[in-house]
C-alpha cells in the first residue's frame, strides 16, 4: 500500500528547494511517519446507499409548482491510502502530522445511480407581470448514452486530538438523460418575445446525485466521535434536501436517507 506524507512536497516561501540538511530531515520525518502508518496497514470499506425522495404541489393563485423526486445512489466505498496531516480543505492546523490521519481512495470507484425526477414551476420572473414556466426532467441511467457511474474524492480524516472523525462526502456521478424547458409565456413584450429559446434536451454526462438540489450544510462533511483503536465508523443518518424553487416563500422538502458503516480491515 503506497504511503505518502506532506513533508516531501513542501517548499519555502521563496520557492527554492531546501538545503540538503533540511531535505534530509524532511525525508527522515516522512520515512518515520510512513513506517508508523505502514504498521497500522489495512483499509476502510463500507457499502453506501443514499436515497432522496419526495413529491408535492401547490398553487396559491400566483405561483404554481409540482415536483416528484426519486434518486438512489449505491456504491462501495474503499479508502486504501493513508497519510499524516489533514486532507480536507480548510482544516485547522492541517500540517499537524501527530493530530491528523487521513484516508483516501487510490482511484475512482464504480457507482450506480437510479434517478427519475420531474418538476414544474410557474410564477413571476424579474417583474410581477412576467411569468415563466420551468419544466424539468432527469432520468438515470441514460438510455441514449449509457455509461458506468463513478464515486470520486471520498476522504476520511481522523482527528486524534479532538477524538472525532470527519467524512468528506464523495461526488457520485452518472450519465443522465435531461429535458429542461423555460417558457416565457406571459408578461411584458420584451419578456415574452424570447419564446422558448432556453431549452436543454440531451445527455448530461456527469450528473451528480445532488445536482440542482438544495443540500443541507452537514451533507458535505459528516463528523462523529472517534476513540483510539476504533475500527467501525457509523455515518448513517436522515437528511433534508429541497427541490429548488424560485421563491423564498415556499419550500419543497425531500427526505434523504444515508446508510453507510465504514469498517477497518487489516
C-alpha atoms as a PDB file:
ATOM      1  CA  UNK A   1       0.000   0.000   0.000  1.00  0.00           C
ATOM      2  CA  UNK A   2       1.578   3.328  -1.043  1.00  0.00           C
ATOM      3  CA  UNK A   3       2.163   5.728   1.837  1.00  0.00           C
ATOM      4  CA  UNK A   4       2.609   9.467   1.360  1.00  0.00           C
ATOM      5  CA  UNK A   5       3.270  12.400   3.649  1.00  0.00           C
ATOM      6  CA  UNK A   6       3.007  16.147   3.162  1.00  0.00           C
ATOM      7  CA  UNK A   7       6.620  16.809   4.213  1.00  0.00           C
ATOM      8  CA  UNK A   8       8.337  15.887   0.954  1.00  0.00           C
ATOM      9  CA  UNK A   9       6.258  18.227  -1.242  1.00  0.00           C
ATOM     10  CA  UNK A  10       6.578  21.462   0.753  1.00  0.00           C
ATOM     11  CA  UNK A  11       8.786  24.338  -0.453  1.00  0.00           C
ATOM     12  CA  UNK A  12       9.871  27.503   1.386  1.00  0.00           C
ATOM     13  CA  UNK A  13       8.119  30.789   0.638  1.00  0.00           C
ATOM     14  CA  UNK A  14      10.910  31.801  -1.805  1.00  0.00           C
ATOM     15  CA  UNK A  15      10.102  28.781  -3.949  1.00  0.00           C
ATOM     16  CA  UNK A  16      13.661  27.370  -3.874  1.00  0.00           C
ATOM     17  CA  UNK A  17      14.382  23.772  -2.838  1.00  0.00           C
ATOM     18  CA  UNK A  18      15.504  23.315   0.787  1.00  0.00           C
ATOM     19  CA  UNK A  19      19.124  22.715   1.722  1.00  0.00           C
ATOM     20  CA  UNK A  20      20.472  19.169   1.805  1.00  0.00           C
ATOM     21  CA  UNK A  21      20.286  19.153   5.596  1.00  0.00           C
ATOM     22  CA  UNK A  22      16.681  20.304   5.647  1.00  0.00           C
ATOM     23  CA  UNK A  23      15.882  17.918   2.820  1.00  0.00           C
ATOM     24  CA  UNK A  24      17.381  15.015   4.756  1.00  0.00           C
ATOM     25  CA  UNK A  25      15.412  15.926   7.887  1.00  0.00           C
ATOM     26  CA  UNK A  26      12.197  16.121   5.874  1.00  0.00           C
ATOM     27  CA  UNK A  27      12.962  12.755   4.303  1.00  0.00           C
ATOM     28  CA  UNK A  28      13.632  11.122   7.684  1.00  0.00           C
ATOM     29  CA  UNK A  29      10.425  12.592   9.088  1.00  0.00           C
ATOM     30  CA  UNK A  30       8.429  11.278   6.149  1.00  0.00           C
ATOM     31  CA  UNK A  31      10.118   7.870   6.461  1.00  0.00           C
ATOM     32  CA  UNK A  32       9.305   7.622  10.167  1.00  0.00           C
ATOM     33  CA  UNK A  33       5.700   8.673   9.564  1.00  0.00           C
ATOM     34  CA  UNK A  34       5.347   6.222   6.691  1.00  0.00           C
ATOM     35  CA  UNK A  35       6.808   3.416   8.813  1.00  0.00           C
ATOM     36  CA  UNK A  36       4.323   4.043  11.626  1.00  0.00           C
ATOM     37  CA  UNK A  37       1.403   4.092   9.227  1.00  0.00           C
ATOM     38  CA  UNK A  38       2.594   1.032   7.382  1.00  0.00           C
ATOM     39  CA  UNK A  39       2.413  -0.872  10.666  1.00  0.00           C
ATOM     40  CA  UNK A  40      -1.208   0.213  11.025  1.00  0.00           C
ATOM     41  CA  UNK A  41      -1.994  -1.026   7.496  1.00  0.00           C
ATOM     42  CA  UNK A  42      -5.441  -2.025   6.291  1.00  0.00           C
ATOM     43  CA  UNK A  43      -8.197  -0.043   4.647  1.00  0.00           C
ATOM     44  CA  UNK A  44     -11.656   1.357   5.415  1.00  0.00           C
ATOM     45  CA  UNK A  45     -14.580  -0.039   3.420  1.00  0.00           C
ATOM     46  CA  UNK A  46     -18.363   0.174   3.513  1.00  0.00           C
ATOM     47  CA  UNK A  47     -21.470  -0.109   1.343  1.00  0.00           C
ATOM     48  CA  UNK A  48     -23.118   3.256   0.712  1.00  0.00           C
ATOM     49  CA  UNK A  49     -26.771   3.778  -0.135  1.00  0.00           C
ATOM     50  CA  UNK A  50     -28.302   7.238  -0.475  1.00  0.00           C
ATOM     51  CA  UNK A  51     -31.972   7.771  -1.227  1.00  0.00           C
ATOM     52  CA  UNK A  52     -33.563  11.180  -1.844  1.00  0.00           C
ATOM     53  CA  UNK A  53     -37.306  11.105  -2.357  1.00  0.00           C
ATOM     54  CA  UNK A  54     -40.261  13.453  -2.181  1.00  0.00           C
ATOM     55  CA  UNK A  55     -43.220  14.845  -4.046  1.00  0.00           C
ATOM     56  CA  UNK A  56     -45.664  17.691  -3.691  1.00  0.00           C
ATOM     57  CA  UNK A  57     -47.547  20.529  -5.321  1.00  0.00           C
ATOM     58  CA  UNK A  58     -49.028  23.909  -4.530  1.00  0.00           C
ATOM     59  CA  UNK A  59     -50.986  26.693  -6.212  1.00  0.00           C
ATOM     60  CA  UNK A  60     -51.528  29.954  -4.314  1.00  0.00           C
ATOM     61  CA  UNK A  61     -53.041  31.807  -7.259  1.00  0.00           C
ATOM     62  CA  UNK A  62     -49.712  33.387  -8.199  1.00  0.00           C
ATOM     63  CA  UNK A  63     -47.193  30.572  -8.016  1.00  0.00           C
ATOM     64  CA  UNK A  64     -47.789  27.015  -9.188  1.00  0.00           C
ATOM     65  CA  UNK A  65     -45.354  24.172  -8.645  1.00  0.00           C
ATOM     66  CA  UNK A  66     -45.164  20.390  -8.587  1.00  0.00           C
ATOM     67  CA  UNK A  67     -42.256  18.009  -8.103  1.00  0.00           C
ATOM     68  CA  UNK A  68     -41.627  14.272  -7.947  1.00  0.00           C
ATOM     69  CA  UNK A  69     -38.078  13.278  -6.977  1.00  0.00           C
ATOM     70  CA  UNK A  70     -36.788   9.707  -6.796  1.00  0.00           C
ATOM     71  CA  UNK A  71     -32.997   9.306  -6.515  1.00  0.00           C
ATOM     72  CA  UNK A  72     -30.995   6.304  -5.323  1.00  0.00           C
ATOM     73  CA  UNK A  73     -27.187   6.025  -5.324  1.00  0.00           C
ATOM     74  CA  UNK A  74     -25.258   2.876  -4.419  1.00  0.00           C
ATOM     75  CA  UNK A  75     -21.526   2.275  -4.206  1.00  0.00           C
ATOM     76  CA  UNK A  76     -18.863   0.502  -2.179  1.00  0.00           C
ATOM     77  CA  UNK A  77     -16.506   2.996  -0.544  1.00  0.00           C
ATOM     78  CA  UNK A  78     -12.884   1.827  -0.380  1.00  0.00           C
ATOM     79  CA  UNK A  79     -10.282   4.031   1.330  1.00  0.00           C
ATOM     80  CA  UNK A  80      -6.943   2.305   0.805  1.00  0.00           C
ATOM     81  CA  UNK A  81      -4.304   5.054   1.013  1.00  0.00           C
ATOM     82  CA  UNK A  82      -3.260   6.832   4.201  1.00  0.00           C
ATOM     83  CA  UNK A  83      -1.080   9.827   5.094  1.00  0.00           C
ATOM     84  CA  UNK A  84      -0.377  12.014   8.114  1.00  0.00           C
ATOM     85  CA  UNK A  85      -1.869  15.503   8.256  1.00  0.00           C
ATOM     86  CA  UNK A  86      -5.250  16.900   7.284  1.00  0.00           C
ATOM     87  CA  UNK A  87      -6.743  16.027   3.919  1.00  0.00           C
ATOM     88  CA  UNK A  88      -9.915  18.132   3.965  1.00  0.00           C
ATOM     89  CA  UNK A  89      -9.608  21.680   2.644  1.00  0.00           C
ATOM     90  CA  UNK A  90      -9.928  24.339   5.341  1.00  0.00           C
ATOM     91  CA  UNK A  91      -8.844  22.019   8.166  1.00  0.00           C
ATOM     92  CA  UNK A  92      -7.327  23.909  11.099  1.00  0.00           C
ATOM     93  CA  UNK A  93      -3.669  23.040  11.836  1.00  0.00           C
ATOM     94  CA  UNK A  94      -3.744  20.846   8.736  1.00  0.00           C
ATOM     95  CA  UNK A  95       0.029  20.109   8.689  1.00  0.00           C
ATOM     96  CA  UNK A  96      -0.014  18.624  12.172  1.00  0.00           C
ATOM     97  CA  UNK A  97       1.061  15.044  11.469  1.00  0.00           C
ATOM     98  CA  UNK A  98       0.559  13.985  15.084  1.00  0.00           C
ATOM     99  CA  UNK A  99      -3.007  15.209  15.142  1.00  0.00           C
ATOM    100  CA  UNK A 100      -4.488  14.051  11.830  1.00  0.00           C
ATOM    101  CA  UNK A 101      -4.612  10.742   9.998  1.00  0.00           C
ATOM    102  CA  UNK A 102      -6.267  10.874   6.571  1.00  0.00           C
ATOM    103  CA  UNK A 103      -7.561   8.012   4.442  1.00  0.00           C
ATOM    104  CA  UNK A 104      -8.386   8.415   0.751  1.00  0.00           C
ATOM    105  CA  UNK A 105      -9.062   6.244  -2.279  1.00  0.00           C
ATOM    106  CA  UNK A 106      -6.314   5.425  -4.760  1.00  0.00           C
ATOM    107  CA  UNK A 107      -8.783   5.629  -7.661  1.00  0.00           C
ATOM    108  CA  UNK A 108     -12.404   6.325  -8.537  1.00  0.00           C
ATOM    109  CA  UNK A 109     -14.861   3.539  -7.737  1.00  0.00           C
ATOM    110  CA  UNK A 110     -17.963   2.259  -9.552  1.00  0.00           C
ATOM    111  CA  UNK A 111     -21.378   3.572  -8.541  1.00  0.00           C
ATOM    112  CA  UNK A 112     -24.974   3.037  -9.586  1.00  0.00           C
ATOM    113  CA  UNK A 113     -27.402   5.948  -9.879  1.00  0.00           C
ATOM    114  CA  UNK A 114     -31.127   5.424 -10.442  1.00  0.00           C
ATOM    115  CA  UNK A 115     -32.902   8.760 -10.899  1.00  0.00           C
ATOM    116  CA  UNK A 116     -36.402   9.596 -12.095  1.00  0.00           C
ATOM    117  CA  UNK A 117     -37.161  13.280 -11.439  1.00  0.00           C
ATOM    118  CA  UNK A 118     -39.755  15.618 -12.862  1.00  0.00           C
ATOM    119  CA  UNK A 119     -40.943  19.038 -11.828  1.00  0.00           C
ATOM    120  CA  UNK A 120     -42.549  22.281 -12.953  1.00  0.00           C
ATOM    121  CA  UNK A 121     -42.523  25.804 -11.581  1.00  0.00           C
ATOM    122  CA  UNK A 122     -44.703  28.634 -12.904  1.00  0.00           C
ATOM    123  CA  UNK A 123     -44.525  32.127 -11.448  1.00  0.00           C
ATOM    124  CA  UNK A 124     -43.265  35.717 -11.668  1.00  0.00           C
ATOM    125  CA  UNK A 125     -39.784  36.264 -13.063  1.00  0.00           C
ATOM    126  CA  UNK A 126     -37.844  39.585 -12.772  1.00  0.00           C
ATOM    127  CA  UNK A 127     -41.115  41.573 -12.723  1.00  0.00           C
ATOM    128  CA  UNK A 128     -44.525  40.867 -11.128  1.00  0.00           C
ATOM    129  CA  UNK A 129     -46.172  40.856 -14.579  1.00  0.00           C
ATOM    130  CA  UNK A 130     -43.649  38.486 -16.173  1.00  0.00           C
ATOM    131  CA  UNK A 131     -44.375  34.774 -15.835  1.00  0.00           C
ATOM    132  CA  UNK A 132     -42.067  31.905 -16.747  1.00  0.00           C
ATOM    133  CA  UNK A 133     -42.810  28.192 -16.665  1.00  0.00           C
ATOM    134  CA  UNK A 134     -39.843  25.891 -15.968  1.00  0.00           C
ATOM    135  CA  UNK A 135     -40.280  22.226 -16.888  1.00  0.00           C
ATOM    136  CA  UNK A 136     -37.548  19.754 -15.879  1.00  0.00           C
ATOM    137  CA  UNK A 137     -36.906  16.036 -16.090  1.00  0.00           C
ATOM    138  CA  UNK A 138     -33.848  13.864 -15.396  1.00  0.00           C
ATOM    139  CA  UNK A 139     -33.535  10.104 -15.848  1.00  0.00           C
ATOM    140  CA  UNK A 140     -30.559   7.899 -14.896  1.00  0.00           C
ATOM    141  CA  UNK A 141     -29.010   5.757 -16.136  1.00  0.00           C
ATOM    142  CA  UNK A 142     -29.064   7.376 -19.556  1.00  0.00           C
ATOM    143  CA  UNK A 143     -30.791   5.393 -22.282  1.00  0.00           C
ATOM    144  CA  UNK A 144     -29.202   7.492 -25.019  1.00  0.00           C
ATOM    145  CA  UNK A 145     -25.587   7.165 -23.811  1.00  0.00           C
ATOM    146  CA  UNK A 146     -25.346   4.537 -21.057  1.00  0.00           C
ATOM    147  CA  UNK A 147     -22.066   4.528 -19.139  1.00  0.00           C
ATOM    148  CA  UNK A 148     -20.943   3.346 -15.668  1.00  0.00           C
ATOM    149  CA  UNK A 149     -21.362   5.690 -12.725  1.00  0.00           C
ATOM    150  CA  UNK A 150     -18.422   6.803 -10.569  1.00  0.00           C
ATOM    151  CA  UNK A 151     -17.686   7.641  -6.945  1.00  0.00           C
ATOM    152  CA  UNK A 152     -14.805  10.117  -6.505  1.00  0.00           C
ATOM    153  CA  UNK A 153     -12.947  12.091  -3.836  1.00  0.00           C
ATOM    154  CA  UNK A 154     -14.029  10.316  -0.665  1.00  0.00           C
ATOM    155  CA  UNK A 155     -11.939  11.369   2.368  1.00  0.00           C
ATOM    156  CA  UNK A 156     -11.925  10.078   5.954  1.00  0.00           C
ATOM    157  CA  UNK A 157      -9.996  12.337   8.351  1.00  0.00           C
ATOM    158  CA  UNK A 158      -9.297  11.259  11.944  1.00  0.00           C
ATOM    159  CA  UNK A 159      -8.576  13.997  14.482  1.00  0.00           C
ATOM    160  CA  UNK A 160      -6.665  12.284  17.297  1.00  0.00           C
ATOM    161  CA  UNK A 161      -6.622  15.454  19.442  1.00  0.00           C
ATOM    162  CA  UNK A 162     -10.379  16.121  19.345  1.00  0.00           C
ATOM    163  CA  UNK A 163     -11.458  12.471  19.270  1.00  0.00           C
ATOM    164  CA  UNK A 164     -13.517  12.858  16.103  1.00  0.00           C
ATOM    165  CA  UNK A 165     -13.581  11.531  12.567  1.00  0.00           C
ATOM    166  CA  UNK A 166     -14.898  13.509   9.597  1.00  0.00           C
ATOM    167  CA  UNK A 167     -16.021  12.035   6.299  1.00  0.00           C
ATOM    168  CA  UNK A 168     -15.987  14.357   3.305  1.00  0.00           C
ATOM    169  CA  UNK A 169     -18.864  13.100   1.189  1.00  0.00           C
ATOM    170  CA  UNK A 170     -17.691  11.842  -2.218  1.00  0.00           C
ATOM    171  CA  UNK A 171     -19.031  13.037  -5.532  1.00  0.00           C
ATOM    172  CA  UNK A 172     -21.226  10.437  -7.234  1.00  0.00           C
ATOM    173  CA  UNK A 173     -21.769  10.827 -10.991  1.00  0.00           C
ATOM    174  CA  UNK A 174     -23.579   9.099 -13.833  1.00  0.00           C
ATOM    175  CA  UNK A 175     -24.762   9.918 -17.337  1.00  0.00           C
ATOM    176  CA  UNK A 176     -28.406  11.070 -17.286  1.00  0.00           C
ATOM    177  CA  UNK A 177     -30.973  11.973 -19.911  1.00  0.00           C
ATOM    178  CA  UNK A 178     -32.215  15.523 -19.338  1.00  0.00           C
ATOM    179  CA  UNK A 179     -35.006  17.748 -20.517  1.00  0.00           C
ATOM    180  CA  UNK A 180     -35.256  21.362 -19.355  1.00  0.00           C
ATOM    181  CA  UNK A 181     -37.542  23.976 -20.941  1.00  0.00           C
ATOM    182  CA  UNK A 182     -38.189  27.606 -19.972  1.00  0.00           C
ATOM    183  CA  UNK A 183     -41.382  29.140 -21.365  1.00  0.00           C
ATOM    184  CA  UNK A 184     -41.752  32.947 -21.177  1.00  0.00           C
ATOM    185  CA  UNK A 185     -45.489  32.605 -21.519  1.00  0.00           C
ATOM    186  CA  UNK A 186     -46.938  35.829 -20.052  1.00  0.00           C
ATOM    187  CA  UNK A 187     -45.672  39.340 -19.433  1.00  0.00           C
ATOM    188  CA  UNK A 188     -44.283  42.497 -20.980  1.00  0.00           C
ATOM    189  CA  UNK A 189     -43.447  42.400 -24.738  1.00  0.00           C
ATOM    190  CA  UNK A 190     -39.660  42.381 -24.234  1.00  0.00           C
ATOM    191  CA  UNK A 191     -40.021  39.413 -21.890  1.00  0.00           C
ATOM    192  CA  UNK A 192     -42.243  37.123 -23.920  1.00  0.00           C
ATOM    193  CA  UNK A 193     -40.614  37.756 -27.315  1.00  0.00           C
ATOM    194  CA  UNK A 194     -37.842  35.313 -26.380  1.00  0.00           C
ATOM    195  CA  UNK A 195     -40.358  32.498 -26.663  1.00  0.00           C
ATOM    196  CA  UNK A 196     -38.912  29.109 -25.700  1.00  0.00           C
ATOM    197  CA  UNK A 197     -35.290  29.752 -26.658  1.00  0.00           C
ATOM    198  CA  UNK A 198     -33.893  28.478 -23.340  1.00  0.00           C
ATOM    199  CA  UNK A 199     -34.076  24.710 -23.811  1.00  0.00           C
ATOM    200  CA  UNK A 200     -31.846  21.784 -22.827  1.00  0.00           C
ATOM    201  CA  UNK A 201     -32.556  18.365 -24.270  1.00  0.00           C
ATOM    202  CA  UNK A 202     -29.971  15.597 -24.359  1.00  0.00           C
ATOM    203  CA  UNK A 203     -27.497  13.838 -22.068  1.00  0.00           C
ATOM    204  CA  UNK A 204     -25.646  15.220 -19.061  1.00  0.00           C
ATOM    205  CA  UNK A 205     -22.571  13.002 -18.837  1.00  0.00           C
ATOM    206  CA  UNK A 206     -21.689  13.889 -15.235  1.00  0.00           C
ATOM    207  CA  UNK A 207     -24.973  14.294 -13.414  1.00  0.00           C
ATOM    208  CA  UNK A 208     -24.275  14.328  -9.679  1.00  0.00           C
ATOM    209  CA  UNK A 209     -26.591  12.642  -7.196  1.00  0.00           C
ATOM    210  CA  UNK A 210     -27.438  16.001  -5.524  1.00  0.00           C
ATOM    211  CA  UNK A 211     -27.411  18.005  -8.772  1.00  0.00           C
ATOM    212  CA  UNK A 212     -29.730  21.057  -8.691  1.00  0.00           C
ATOM    213  CA  UNK A 213     -30.993  20.202  -5.216  1.00  0.00           C
ATOM    214  CA  UNK A 214     -30.557  22.412  -2.156  1.00  0.00           C
ATOM    215  CA  UNK A 215     -28.389  20.329   0.180  1.00  0.00           C
ATOM    216  CA  UNK A 216     -28.169  20.642   3.978  1.00  0.00           C
ATOM    217  CA  UNK A 217     -24.933  22.087   5.327  1.00  0.00           C
ATOM    218  CA  UNK A 218     -23.983  18.872   7.129  1.00  0.00           C
ATOM    219  CA  UNK A 219     -24.195  16.853   3.891  1.00  0.00           C
ATOM    220  CA  UNK A 220     -20.723  17.881   2.759  1.00  0.00           C
ATOM    221  CA  UNK A 221     -18.838  16.963   5.962  1.00  0.00           C
ATOM    222  CA  UNK A 222     -20.194  14.391   8.410  1.00  0.00           C
ATOM    223  CA  UNK A 223     -18.437  14.294  11.806  1.00  0.00           C
ATOM    224  CA  UNK A 224     -18.864  11.676  14.549  1.00  0.00           C
ATOM    225  CA  UNK A 225     -16.944  10.794  17.770  1.00  0.00           C
ATOM    226  CA  UNK A 226     -13.884   8.565  17.440  1.00  0.00           C
ATOM    227  CA  UNK A 227     -11.925   6.562  20.038  1.00  0.00           C
ATOM    228  CA  UNK A 228      -8.364   5.350  19.589  1.00  0.00           C
ATOM    229  CA  UNK A 229      -8.310   1.866  18.118  1.00  0.00           C
ATOM    230  CA  UNK A 230     -11.883   2.117  16.835  1.00  0.00           C
ATOM    231  CA  UNK A 231     -12.443   0.008  13.717  1.00  0.00           C
ATOM    232  CA  UNK A 232     -16.042   0.981  12.848  1.00  0.00           C
ATOM    233  CA  UNK A 233     -17.486   4.388  11.936  1.00  0.00           C
ATOM    234  CA  UNK A 234     -21.271   4.729  11.632  1.00  0.00           C
ATOM    235  CA  UNK A 235     -22.226   7.596   9.314  1.00  0.00           C
ATOM    236  CA  UNK A 236     -25.861   6.604   8.616  1.00  0.00           C
ATOM    237  CA  UNK A 237     -28.405   9.397   9.145  1.00  0.00           C
ATOM    238  CA  UNK A 238     -31.515  11.199   7.922  1.00  0.00           C
ATOM    239  CA  UNK A 239     -31.024  14.354   5.849  1.00  0.00           C
ATOM    240  CA  UNK A 240     -33.360  17.024   4.499  1.00  0.00           C
ATOM    241  CA  UNK A 241     -32.885  18.185   0.913  1.00  0.00           C
ATOM    242  CA  UNK A 242     -35.067  20.561  -1.136  1.00  0.00           C
ATOM    243  CA  UNK A 243     -36.199  20.765  -4.724  1.00  0.00           C
ATOM    244  CA  UNK A 244     -35.161  24.252  -5.940  1.00  0.00           C
ATOM    245  CA  UNK A 245     -37.944  26.818  -6.220  1.00  0.00           C
ATOM    246  CA  UNK A 246     -37.583  30.395  -7.462  1.00  0.00           C
ATOM    247  CA  UNK A 247     -39.222  31.795  -4.348  1.00  0.00           C
ATOM    248  CA  UNK A 248     -38.356  32.286  -0.675  1.00  0.00           C
ATOM    249  CA  UNK A 249     -41.968  31.954   0.425  1.00  0.00           C
ATOM    250  CA  UNK A 250     -42.267  28.224  -0.268  1.00  0.00           C
ATOM    251  CA  UNK A 251     -40.232  25.077   0.386  1.00  0.00           C
ATOM    252  CA  UNK A 252     -40.202  21.784  -1.497  1.00  0.00           C
ATOM    253  CA  UNK A 253     -38.810  19.312   1.094  1.00  0.00           C
ATOM    254  CA  UNK A 254     -37.246  15.973   0.192  1.00  0.00           C
ATOM    255  CA  UNK A 255     -36.383  13.118   2.547  1.00  0.00           C
ATOM    256  CA  UNK A 256     -32.787  11.917   2.379  1.00  0.00           C
ATOM    257  CA  UNK A 257     -31.579   8.675   3.947  1.00  0.00           C
ATOM    258  CA  UNK A 258     -27.868   7.813   4.021  1.00  0.00           C
ATOM    259  CA  UNK A 259     -26.765   4.312   5.009  1.00  0.00           C
ATOM    260  CA  UNK A 260     -23.012   3.827   5.470  1.00  0.00           C
ATOM    261  CA  UNK A 261     -20.889   1.983   8.022  1.00  0.00           C
ATOM    262  CA  UNK A 262     -17.142   2.098   7.381  1.00  0.00           C
ATOM    263  CA  UNK A 263     -15.095  -0.737   8.835  1.00  0.00           C
ATOM    264  CA  UNK A 264     -11.325  -1.033   9.021  1.00  0.00           C
ATOM    265  CA  UNK A 265      -9.718  -4.272   7.909  1.00  0.00           C
ATOM    266  CA  UNK A 266      -6.064  -5.218   8.401  1.00  0.00           C
END
